[in-house]
Amino acid sequence: MDMKQMMRQAQKMQAELAKAQDEIKDMTAEATAGGGMVTVVATGNNEIQSIKIDPAAVDPEDVEMLEDMVLAAANEALRAVAAKGTARLNSVTGGMNIPGLM
């Protein structure tokens, strides 16, 4: 393989990585907790986009349980969107670990 061909391949991969990173920003993942009582949607930017709480989950006598459900759903949504992002990057890099990508 000559140097020009290697440079073209590197440039192509760089462009594909940039495209994948843009796609990841638009990804979302939804997670629930408490049997669907709490639903959280997270984005590829590692931000919580929305939280929905079933009114039946609101018990003034047990606020801690609601807090735990929100926390569990939020963490799961963030993990799920990170996994989607990693899978997308792996499709470009062939699973090669490139520091700083995610």
PDB file of N, CA and C in Angstrom:
ATOM      1  N   MET A   1       0.860  -1.171   0.000  1.00  0.00           N
ATOM      2  CA  MET A   1       0.000   0.000   0.000  1.00  0.00           C
ATOM      3  C   MET A   1       0.908   1.237   0.000  1.00  0.00           C
ATOM      4  N   ASP A   2       0.660   2.134  -0.929  1.00  0.00           N
ATOM      5  CA  ASP A   2       1.509   3.317  -0.977  1.00  0.00           C
ATOM      6  C   ASP A   2       0.984   4.411  -0.045  1.00  0.00           C
ATOM      7  N   MET A   3       1.823   5.403   0.162  1.00  0.00           N
ATOM      8  CA  MET A   3       1.512   6.468   1.119  1.00  0.00           C
ATOM      9  C   MET A   3       0.282   7.284   0.698  1.00  0.00           C
ATOM     10  N   LYS A   4       0.127   7.534  -0.593  1.00  0.00           N
ATOM     11  CA  LYS A   4      -1.041   8.303  -1.068  1.00  0.00           C
ATOM     12  C   LYS A   4      -2.333   7.570  -0.757  1.00  0.00           C
ATOM     13  N   GLN A   5      -2.320   6.269  -0.986  1.00  0.00           N
ATOM     14  CA  GLN A   5      -3.517   5.464  -0.720  1.00  0.00           C
ATOM     15  C   GLN A   5      -3.831   5.456   0.773  1.00  0.00           C
ATOM     16  N   MET A   6      -2.807   5.343   1.602  1.00  0.00           N
ATOM     17  CA  MET A   6      -3.019   5.371   3.051  1.00  0.00           C
ATOM     18  C   MET A   6      -3.590   6.719   3.482  1.00  0.00           C
ATOM     19  N   MET A   7      -3.100   7.802   2.911  1.00  0.00           N
ATOM     20  CA  MET A   7      -3.608   9.128   3.250  1.00  0.00           C
ATOM     21  C   MET A   7      -5.070   9.276   2.832  1.00  0.00           C
ATOM     22  N   ARG A   8      -5.413   8.761   1.651  1.00  0.00           N
ATOM     23  CA  ARG A   8      -6.810   8.826   1.195  1.00  0.00           C
ATOM     24  C   ARG A   8      -7.714   8.039   2.137  1.00  0.00           C
ATOM     25  N   GLN A   9      -7.264   6.869   2.551  1.00  0.00           N
ATOM     26  CA  GLN A   9      -8.058   6.061   3.476  1.00  0.00           C
ATOM     27  C   GLN A   9      -8.213   6.767   4.825  1.00  0.00           C
ATOM     28  N   ALA A  10      -7.147   7.382   5.303  1.00  0.00           N
ATOM     29  CA  ALA A  10      -7.214   8.105   6.576  1.00  0.00           C
ATOM     30  C   ALA A  10      -8.174   9.281   6.472  1.00  0.00           C
ATOM     31  N   GLN A  11      -8.145   9.994   5.357  1.00  0.00           N
ATOM     32  CA  GLN A  11      -9.049  11.128   5.168  1.00  0.00           C
ATOM     33  C   GLN A  11     -10.496  10.659   5.073  1.00  0.00           C
ATOM     34  N   LYS A  12     -10.701   9.532   4.389  1.00  0.00           N
ATOM     35  CA  LYS A  12     -12.051   8.981   4.280  1.00  0.00           C
ATOM     36  C   LYS A  12     -12.578   8.585   5.661  1.00  0.00           C
ATOM     37  N   MET A  13     -11.733   7.915   6.457  1.00  0.00           N
ATOM     38  CA  MET A  13     -12.155   7.516   7.800  1.00  0.00           C
ATOM     39  C   MET A  13     -12.443   8.748   8.656  1.00  0.00           C
ATOM     40  N   GLN A  14     -11.632   9.781   8.522  1.00  0.00           N
ATOM     41  CA  GLN A  14     -11.843  11.008   9.294  1.00  0.00           C
ATOM     42  C   GLN A  14     -13.193  11.627   8.944  1.00  0.00           C
ATOM     43  N   ALA A  15     -13.533  11.658   7.659  1.00  0.00           N
ATOM     44  CA  ALA A  15     -14.824  12.194   7.234  1.00  0.00           C
ATOM     45  C   ALA A  15     -15.971  11.337   7.758  1.00  0.00           C
ATOM     46  N   GLU A  16     -15.805  10.016   7.708  1.00  0.00           N
ATOM     47  CA  GLU A  16     -16.841   9.112   8.208  1.00  0.00           C
ATOM     48  C   GLU A  16     -17.010   9.257   9.719  1.00  0.00           C
ATOM     49  N   LEU A  17     -15.909   9.453  10.435  1.00  0.00           N
ATOM     50  CA  LEU A  17     -15.988   9.656  11.888  1.00  0.00           C
ATOM     51  C   LEU A  17     -16.718  10.949  12.208  1.00  0.00           C
ATOM     52  N   ALA A  18     -16.436  12.020  11.465  1.00  0.00           N
ATOM     53  CA  ALA A  18     -17.119  13.292  11.698  1.00  0.00           C
ATOM     54  C   ALA A  18     -18.611  13.139  11.459  1.00  0.00           C
ATOM     55  N   LYS A  19     -18.972  12.419  10.399  1.00  0.00           N
ATOM     56  CA  LYS A  19     -20.384  12.180  10.108  1.00  0.00           C
ATOM     57  C   LYS A  19     -21.033  11.368  11.233  1.00  0.00           C
ATOM     58  N   ALA A  20     -20.339  10.323  11.679  1.00  0.00           N
ATOM     59  CA  ALA A  20     -20.872   9.485  12.758  1.00  0.00           C
ATOM     60  C   ALA A  20     -21.060  10.290  14.036  1.00  0.00           C
ATOM     61  N   GLN A  21     -20.100  11.159  14.360  1.00  0.00           N
ATOM     62  CA  GLN A  21     -20.223  11.972  15.571  1.00  0.00           C
ATOM     63  C   GLN A  21     -21.412  12.914  15.476  1.00  0.00           C
ATOM     64  N   ASP A  22     -21.678  13.462  14.289  1.00  0.00           N
ATOM     65  CA  ASP A  22     -22.866  14.300  14.107  1.00  0.00           C
ATOM     66  C   ASP A  22     -24.138  13.479  14.281  1.00  0.00           C
ATOM     67  N   GLU A  23     -24.140  12.258  13.748  1.00  0.00           N
ATOM     68  CA  GLU A  23     -25.310  11.384  13.895  1.00  0.00           C
ATOM     69  C   GLU A  23     -25.550  11.035  15.361  1.00  0.00           C
ATOM     70  N   ILE A  24     -24.483  10.813  16.095  1.00  0.00           N
ATOM     71  CA  ILE A  24     -24.610  10.459  17.507  1.00  0.00           C
ATOM     72  C   ILE A  24     -25.283  11.578  18.286  1.00  0.00           C
ATOM     73  N   LYS A  25     -24.968  12.817  17.972  1.00  0.00           N
ATOM     74  CA  LYS A  25     -25.581  13.951  18.668  1.00  0.00           C
ATOM     75  C   LYS A  25     -27.102  13.928  18.533  1.00  0.00           C
ATOM     76  N   ASP A  26     -27.593  13.402  17.402  1.00  0.00           N
ATOM     77  CA  ASP A  26     -29.034  13.369  17.149  1.00  0.00           C
ATOM     78  C   ASP A  26     -29.711  12.114  17.690  1.00  0.00           C
ATOM     79  N   MET A  27     -28.923  11.157  18.180  1.00  0.00           N
ATOM     80  CA  MET A  27     -29.499   9.925  18.708  1.00  0.00           C
ATOM     81  C   MET A  27     -30.214  10.190  20.031  1.00  0.00           C
ATOM     82  N   THR A  28     -31.226   9.375  20.292  1.00  0.00           N
ATOM     83  CA  THR A  28     -31.894   9.402  21.591  1.00  0.00           C
ATOM     84  C   THR A  28     -32.082   7.976  22.075  1.00  0.00           C
ATOM     85  N   ALA A  29     -32.233   7.846  23.365  1.00  0.00           N
ATOM     86  CA  ALA A  29     -32.546   6.550  23.959  1.00  0.00           C
ATOM     87  C   ALA A  29     -33.546   6.791  25.083  1.00  0.00           C
ATOM     88  N   GLU A  30     -34.504   5.904  25.190  1.00  0.00           N
ATOM     89  CA  GLU A  30     -35.541   6.009  26.214  1.00  0.00           C
ATOM     90  C   GLU A  30     -35.386   4.856  27.191  1.00  0.00           C
ATOM     91  N   ALA A  31     -35.585   5.148  28.450  1.00  0.00           N
ATOM     92  CA  ALA A  31     -35.546   4.109  29.478  1.00  0.00           C
ATOM     93  C   ALA A  31     -36.664   4.365  30.471  1.00  0.00           C
ATOM     94  N   THR A  32     -37.122   3.290  31.083  1.00  0.00           N
ATOM     95  CA  THR A  32     -38.184   3.409  32.078  1.00  0.00           C
ATOM     96  C   THR A  32     -37.759   2.760  33.382  1.00  0.00           C
ATOM     97  N   ALA A  33     -38.452   3.118  34.436  1.00  0.00           N
ATOM     98  CA  ALA A  33     -38.232   2.506  35.751  1.00  0.00           C
ATOM     99  C   ALA A  33     -39.587   2.410  36.442  1.00  0.00           C
ATOM    100  N   GLY A  34     -39.640   1.552  37.431  1.00  0.00           N
ATOM    101  CA  GLY A  34     -40.877   1.398  38.196  1.00  0.00           C
ATOM    102  C   GLY A  34     -42.010   0.858  37.350  1.00  0.00           C
ATOM    103  N   GLY A  35     -41.694  -0.064  36.455  1.00  0.00           N
ATOM    104  CA  GLY A  35     -42.739  -0.642  35.619  1.00  0.00           C
ATOM    105  C   GLY A  35     -43.370   0.363  34.678  1.00  0.00           C
ATOM    106  N   GLY A  36     -42.584   1.331  34.230  1.00  0.00           N
ATOM    107  CA  GLY A  36     -43.082   2.341  33.303  1.00  0.00           C
ATOM    108  C   GLY A  36     -43.612   3.589  33.984  1.00  0.00           C
ATOM    109  N   MET A  37     -43.474   3.656  35.295  1.00  0.00           N
ATOM    110  CA  MET A  37     -43.971   4.829  36.028  1.00  0.00           C
ATOM    111  C   MET A  37     -43.138   6.078  35.722  1.00  0.00           C
ATOM    112  N   VAL A  38     -41.863   5.880  35.405  1.00  0.00           N
ATOM    113  CA  VAL A  38     -40.967   6.985  35.064  1.00  0.00           C
ATOM    114  C   VAL A  38     -40.312   6.653  33.736  1.00  0.00           C
ATOM    115  N   THR A  39     -40.354   7.616  32.810  1.00  0.00           N
ATOM    116  CA  THR A  39     -39.724   7.461  31.506  1.00  0.00           C
ATOM    117  C   THR A  39     -38.781   8.626  31.276  1.00  0.00           C
ATOM    118  N   VAL A  40     -37.552   8.304  30.863  1.00  0.00           N
ATOM    119  CA  VAL A  40     -36.541   9.323  30.611  1.00  0.00           C
ATOM    120  C   VAL A  40     -35.995   9.130  29.204  1.00  0.00           C
ATOM    121  N   VAL A  41     -35.818  10.246  28.491  1.00  0.00           N
ATOM    122  CA  VAL A  41     -35.194  10.228  27.168  1.00  0.00           C
ATOM    123  C   VAL A  41     -33.901  11.018  27.267  1.00  0.00           C
ATOM    124  N   ALA A  42     -32.803  10.393  26.803  1.00  0.00           N
ATOM    125  CA  ALA A  42     -31.488  11.038  26.800  1.00  0.00           C
ATOM    126  C   ALA A  42     -31.011  11.188  25.356  1.00  0.00           C
ATOM    127  N   THR A  43     -30.153  12.190  25.125  1.00  0.00           N
ATOM    128  CA  THR A  43     -29.612  12.433  23.793  1.00  0.00           C
ATOM    129  C   THR A  43     -28.161  11.983  23.709  1.00  0.00           C
ATOM    130  N   GLY A  44     -27.664  11.927  22.499  1.00  0.00           N
ATOM    131  CA  GLY A  44     -26.278  11.569  22.265  1.00  0.00           C
ATOM    132  C   GLY A  44     -25.292  12.583  22.809  1.00  0.00           C
ATOM    133  N   ASN A  45     -25.773  13.755  23.185  1.00  0.00           N
ATOM    134  CA  ASN A  45     -24.939  14.771  23.831  1.00  0.00           C
ATOM    135  C   ASN A  45     -24.869  14.552  25.333  1.00  0.00           C
ATOM    136  N   ASN A  46     -25.370  13.412  25.797  1.00  0.00           N
ATOM    137  CA  ASN A  46     -25.418  13.086  27.224  1.00  0.00           C
ATOM    138  C   ASN A  46     -26.230  14.097  28.013  1.00  0.00           C
ATOM    139  N   GLU A  47     -27.343  14.489  27.435  1.00  0.00           N
ATOM    140  CA  GLU A  47     -28.281  15.378  28.111  1.00  0.00           C
ATOM    141  C   GLU A  47     -29.619  14.676  28.232  1.00  0.00           C
ATOM    142  N   ILE A  48     -30.322  14.980  29.309  1.00  0.00           N
ATOM    143  CA  ILE A  48     -31.665  14.454  29.484  1.00  0.00           C
ATOM    144  C   ILE A  48     -32.604  15.349  28.689  1.00  0.00           C
ATOM    145  N   GLN A  49     -33.324  14.746  27.749  1.00  0.00           N
ATOM    146  CA  GLN A  49     -34.226  15.502  26.886  1.00  0.00           C
ATOM    147  C   GLN A  49     -35.606  15.657  27.518  1.00  0.00           C
ATOM    148  N   SER A  50     -36.071  14.585  28.180  1.00  0.00           N
ATOM    149  CA  SER A  50     -37.390  14.675  28.811  1.00  0.00           C
ATOM    150  C   SER A  50     -37.513  13.641  29.923  1.00  0.00           C
ATOM    151  N   ILE A  51     -38.388  13.969  30.858  1.00  0.00           N
ATOM    152  CA  ILE A  51     -38.742  13.062  31.954  1.00  0.00           C
ATOM    153  C   ILE A  51     -40.252  13.083  32.074  1.00  0.00           C
ATOM    154  N   LYS A  52     -40.844  11.894  32.054  1.00  0.00           N
ATOM    155  CA  LYS A  52     -42.290  11.780  32.241  1.00  0.00           C
ATOM    156  C   LYS A  52     -42.530  10.918  33.466  1.00  0.00           C
ATOM    157  N   ILE A  53     -43.415  11.406  34.327  1.00  0.00           N
ATOM    158  CA  ILE A  53     -43.731  10.683  35.564  1.00  0.00           C
ATOM    159  C   ILE A  53     -45.228  10.448  35.606  1.00  0.00           C
ATOM    160  N   ASP A  54     -45.604   9.206  35.748  1.00  0.00           N
ATOM    161  CA  ASP A  54     -47.010   8.849  35.895  1.00  0.00           C
ATOM    162  C   ASP A  54     -47.488   9.429  37.215  1.00  0.00           C
ATOM    163  N   PRO A  55     -48.603  10.141  37.219  1.00  0.00           N
ATOM    164  CA  PRO A  55     -49.104  10.724  38.462  1.00  0.00           C
ATOM    165  C   PRO A  55     -49.266   9.709  39.591  1.00  0.00           C
ATOM    166  N   ALA A  56     -49.503   8.451  39.243  1.00  0.00           N
ATOM    167  CA  ALA A  56     -49.659   7.419  40.266  1.00  0.00           C
ATOM    168  C   ALA A  56     -48.349   7.164  41.012  1.00  0.00           C
ATOM    169  N   ALA A  57     -47.230   7.588  40.419  1.00  0.00           N
ATOM    170  CA  ALA A  57     -45.929   7.387  41.066  1.00  0.00           C
ATOM    171  C   ALA A  57     -45.647   8.438  42.129  1.00  0.00           C
ATOM    172  N   VAL A  58     -46.458   9.471  42.159  1.00  0.00           N
ATOM    173  CA  VAL A  58     -46.217  10.570  43.104  1.00  0.00           C
ATOM    174  C   VAL A  58     -46.928  10.256  44.423  1.00  0.00           C
ATOM    175  N   ASP A  59     -46.132   9.866  45.385  1.00  0.00           N
ATOM    176  CA  ASP A  59     -46.636   9.568  46.719  1.00  0.00           C
ATOM    177  C   ASP A  59     -45.897  10.469  47.695  1.00  0.00           C
ATOM    178  N   PRO A  60     -46.584  11.478  48.237  1.00  0.00           N
ATOM    179  CA  PRO A  60     -45.913  12.409  49.146  1.00  0.00           C
ATOM    180  C   PRO A  60     -45.280  11.714  50.350  1.00  0.00           C
ATOM    181  N   GLU A  61     -45.746  10.517  50.659  1.00  0.00           N
ATOM    182  CA  GLU A  61     -45.202   9.776  51.787  1.00  0.00           C
ATOM    183  C   GLU A  61     -43.922   9.019  51.427  1.00  0.00           C
ATOM    184  N   ASP A  62     -43.640   8.893  50.103  1.00  0.00           N
ATOM    185  CA  ASP A  62     -42.466   8.133  49.679  1.00  0.00           C
ATOM    186  C   ASP A  62     -41.782   8.813  48.490  1.00  0.00           C
ATOM    187  N   VAL A  63     -41.335  10.022  48.710  1.00  0.00           N
ATOM    188  CA  VAL A  63     -40.640  10.791  47.670  1.00  0.00           C
ATOM    189  C   VAL A  63     -39.335  10.095  47.280  1.00  0.00           C
ATOM    190  N   GLU A  64     -38.705   9.429  48.223  1.00  0.00           N
ATOM    191  CA  GLU A  64     -37.438   8.755  47.952  1.00  0.00           C
ATOM    192  C   GLU A  64     -37.586   7.686  46.871  1.00  0.00           C
ATOM    193  N   MET A  65     -38.691   6.966  46.856  1.00  0.00           N
ATOM    194  CA  MET A  65     -38.906   5.944  45.838  1.00  0.00           C
ATOM    195  C   MET A  65     -38.992   6.597  44.455  1.00  0.00           C
ATOM    196  N   LEU A  66     -39.691   7.712  44.346  1.00  0.00           N
ATOM    197  CA  LEU A  66     -39.799   8.421  43.079  1.00  0.00           C
ATOM    198  C   LEU A  66     -38.423   8.919  42.627  1.00  0.00           C
ATOM    199  N   GLU A  67     -37.662   9.457  43.554  1.00  0.00           N
ATOM    200  CA  GLU A  67     -36.303   9.916  43.230  1.00  0.00           C
ATOM    201  C   GLU A  67     -35.458   8.759  42.704  1.00  0.00           C
ATOM    202  N   ASP A  68     -35.570   7.601  43.328  1.00  0.00           N
ATOM    203  CA  ASP A  68     -34.817   6.426  42.897  1.00  0.00           C
ATOM    204  C   ASP A  68     -35.229   5.984  41.493  1.00  0.00           C
ATOM    205  N   MET A  69     -36.530   6.040  41.203  1.00  0.00           N
ATOM    206  CA  MET A  69     -37.003   5.655  39.873  1.00  0.00           C
ATOM    207  C   MET A  69     -36.495   6.620  38.809  1.00  0.00           C
ATOM    208  N   VAL A  70     -36.525   7.912  39.102  1.00  0.00           N
ATOM    209  CA  VAL A  70     -36.034   8.905  38.151  1.00  0.00           C
ATOM    210  C   VAL A  70     -34.536   8.699  37.912  1.00  0.00           C
ATOM    211  N   LEU A  71     -33.799   8.491  38.971  1.00  0.00           N
ATOM    212  CA  LEU A  71     -32.360   8.271  38.862  1.00  0.00           C
ATOM    213  C   LEU A  71     -32.052   7.017  38.050  1.00  0.00           C
ATOM    214  N   ALA A  72     -32.770   5.939  38.316  1.00  0.00           N
ATOM    215  CA  ALA A  72     -32.543   4.684  37.600  1.00  0.00           C
ATOM    216  C   ALA A  72     -32.851   4.841  36.110  1.00  0.00           C
ATOM    217  N   ALA A  73     -33.962   5.475  35.798  1.00  0.00           N
ATOM    218  CA  ALA A  73     -34.334   5.647  34.391  1.00  0.00           C
ATOM    219  C   ALA A  73     -33.351   6.576  33.677  1.00  0.00           C
ATOM    220  N   ALA A  74     -32.924   7.640  34.335  1.00  0.00           N
ATOM    221  CA  ALA A  74     -31.974   8.573  33.727  1.00  0.00           C
ATOM    222  C   ALA A  74     -30.641   7.891  33.450  1.00  0.00           C
ATOM    223  N   ASN A  75     -30.137   7.158  34.419  1.00  0.00           N
ATOM    224  CA  ASN A  75     -28.859   6.460  34.216  1.00  0.00           C
ATOM    225  C   ASN A  75     -28.960   5.423  33.108  1.00  0.00           C
ATOM    226  N   GLU A  76     -30.048   4.702  33.047  1.00  0.00           N
ATOM    227  CA  GLU A  76     -30.215   3.694  32.002  1.00  0.00           C
ATOM    228  C   GLU A  76     -30.323   4.347  30.623  1.00  0.00           C
ATOM    229  N   ALA A  77     -31.035   5.458  30.515  1.00  0.00           N
ATOM    230  CA  ALA A  77     -31.153   6.158  29.233  1.00  0.00           C
ATOM    231  C   ALA A  77     -29.787   6.657  28.770  1.00  0.00           C
ATOM    232  N   LEU A  78     -28.995   7.196  29.696  1.00  0.00           N
ATOM    233  CA  LEU A  78     -27.649   7.664  29.336  1.00  0.00           C
ATOM    234  C   LEU A  78     -26.752   6.515  28.908  1.00  0.00           C
ATOM    235  N   ARG A  79     -26.845   5.375  29.599  1.00  0.00           N
ATOM    236  CA  ARG A  79     -26.063   4.198  29.213  1.00  0.00           C
ATOM    237  C   ARG A  79     -26.482   3.708  27.825  1.00  0.00           C
ATOM    238  N   ALA A  80     -27.789   3.697  27.575  1.00  0.00           N
ATOM    239  CA  ALA A  80     -28.296   3.192  26.300  1.00  0.00           C
ATOM    240  C   ALA A  80     -27.866   4.071  25.136  1.00  0.00           C
ATOM    241  N   VAL A  81     -27.918   5.388  25.294  1.00  0.00           N
ATOM    242  CA  VAL A  81     -27.516   6.261  24.194  1.00  0.00           C
ATOM    243  C   VAL A  81     -25.999   6.200  23.997  1.00  0.00           C
ATOM    244  N   ALA A  82     -25.243   6.002  25.063  1.00  0.00           N
ATOM    245  CA  ALA A  82     -23.791   5.832  24.930  1.00  0.00           C
ATOM    246  C   ALA A  82     -23.477   4.547  24.167  1.00  0.00           C
ATOM    247  N   ALA A  83     -24.222   3.486  24.435  1.00  0.00           N
ATOM    248  CA  ALA A  83     -24.014   2.217  23.729  1.00  0.00           C
ATOM    249  C   ALA A  83     -24.336   2.374  22.243  1.00  0.00           C
ATOM    250  N   LYS A  84     -25.399   3.102  21.926  1.00  0.00           N
ATOM    251  CA  LYS A  84     -25.737   3.361  20.529  1.00  0.00           C
ATOM    252  C   LYS A  84     -24.603   4.131  19.849  1.00  0.00           C
ATOM    253  N   GLY A  85     -24.074   5.127  20.532  1.00  0.00           N
ATOM    254  CA  GLY A  85     -22.983   5.925  19.981  1.00  0.00           C
ATOM    255  C   GLY A  85     -21.740   5.095  19.746  1.00  0.00           C
ATOM    256  N   THR A  86     -21.411   4.251  20.705  1.00  0.00           N
ATOM    257  CA  THR A  86     -20.246   3.386  20.572  1.00  0.00           C
ATOM    258  C   THR A  86     -20.422   2.426  19.398  1.00  0.00           C
ATOM    259  N   ALA A  87     -21.616   1.880  19.255  1.00  0.00           N
ATOM    260  CA  ALA A  87     -21.881   0.971  18.141  1.00  0.00           C
ATOM    261  C   ALA A  87     -21.720   1.696  16.807  1.00  0.00           C
ATOM    262  N   ARG A  88     -22.189   2.931  16.739  1.00  0.00           N
ATOM    263  CA  ARG A  88     -22.069   3.689  15.489  1.00  0.00           C
ATOM    264  C   ARG A  88     -20.599   3.968  15.169  1.00  0.00           C
ATOM    265  N   LEU A  89     -19.820   4.360  16.172  1.00  0.00           N
ATOM    266  CA  LEU A  89     -18.399   4.612  15.944  1.00  0.00           C
ATOM    267  C   LEU A  89     -17.666   3.333  15.559  1.00  0.00           C
ATOM    268  N   ASN A  90     -18.026   2.225  16.189  1.00  0.00           N
ATOM    269  CA  ASN A  90     -17.398   0.943  15.859  1.00  0.00           C
ATOM    270  C   ASN A  90     -17.671   0.542  14.417  1.00  0.00           C
ATOM    271  N   SER A  91     -18.826   0.959  13.894  1.00  0.00           N
ATOM    272  CA  SER A  91     -19.131   0.632  12.502  1.00  0.00           C
ATOM    273  C   SER A  91     -18.191   1.370  11.553  1.00  0.00           C
ATOM    274  N   VAL A  92     -17.652   2.492  11.991  1.00  0.00           N
ATOM    275  CA  VAL A  92     -16.711   3.256  11.173  1.00  0.00           C
ATOM    276  C   VAL A  92     -15.281   2.780  11.392  1.00  0.00           C
ATOM    277  N   THR A  93     -14.935   2.530  12.641  1.00  0.00           N
ATOM    278  CA  THR A  93     -13.539   2.204  12.971  1.00  0.00           C
ATOM    279  C   THR A  93     -13.251   0.711  12.943  1.00  0.00           C
ATOM    280  N   GLY A  94     -14.259  -0.102  12.726  1.00  0.00           N
ATOM    281  CA  GLY A  94     -14.060  -1.541  12.750  1.00  0.00           C
ATOM    282  C   GLY A  94     -13.716  -2.058  14.139  1.00  0.00           C
ATOM    283  N   GLY A  95     -14.154  -1.322  15.166  1.00  0.00           N
ATOM    284  CA  GLY A  95     -13.902  -1.730  16.544  1.00  0.00           C
ATOM    285  C   GLY A  95     -12.567  -1.264  17.094  1.00  0.00           C
ATOM    286  N   MET A  96     -11.798  -0.567  16.259  1.00  0.00           N
ATOM    287  CA  MET A  96     -10.505  -0.058  16.713  1.00  0.00           C
ATOM    288  C   MET A  96     -10.744   1.040  17.753  1.00  0.00           C
ATOM    289  N   ASN A  97     -10.080   0.954  18.876  1.00  0.00           N
ATOM    290  CA  ASN A  97     -10.250   1.930  19.943  1.00  0.00           C
ATOM    291  C   ASN A  97      -9.396   3.154  19.653  1.00  0.00           C
ATOM    292  N   ILE A  98     -10.067   4.278  19.359  1.00  0.00           N
ATOM    293  CA  ILE A  98      -9.360   5.521  19.084  1.00  0.00           C
ATOM    294  C   ILE A  98      -9.637   6.465  20.254  1.00  0.00           C
ATOM    295  N   PRO A  99      -8.628   6.793  21.036  1.00  0.00           N
ATOM    296  CA  PRO A  99      -8.826   7.639  22.214  1.00  0.00           C
ATOM    297  C   PRO A  99      -9.482   8.976  21.854  1.00  0.00           C
ATOM    298  N   GLY A 100     -10.409   9.386  22.728  1.00  0.00           N
ATOM    299  CA  GLY A 100     -11.047  10.688  22.568  1.00  0.00           C
ATOM    300  C   GLY A 100     -12.313  10.696  21.727  1.00  0.00           C
ATOM    301  N   LEU A 101     -12.699   9.555  21.160  1.00  0.00           N
ATOM    302  CA  LEU A 101     -13.899   9.542  20.338  1.00  0.00           C
ATOM    303  C   LEU A 101     -15.167   9.523  21.164  1.00  0.00           C
ATOM    304  N   MET A 102     -15.181   8.778  22.258  1.00  0.00           N
ATOM    305  CA  MET A 102     -16.382   8.709  23.109  1.00  0.00           C
ATOM    306  C   MET A 102     -15.955   8.724  24.542  1.00  0.00           C
TER     307      MET A 102
END
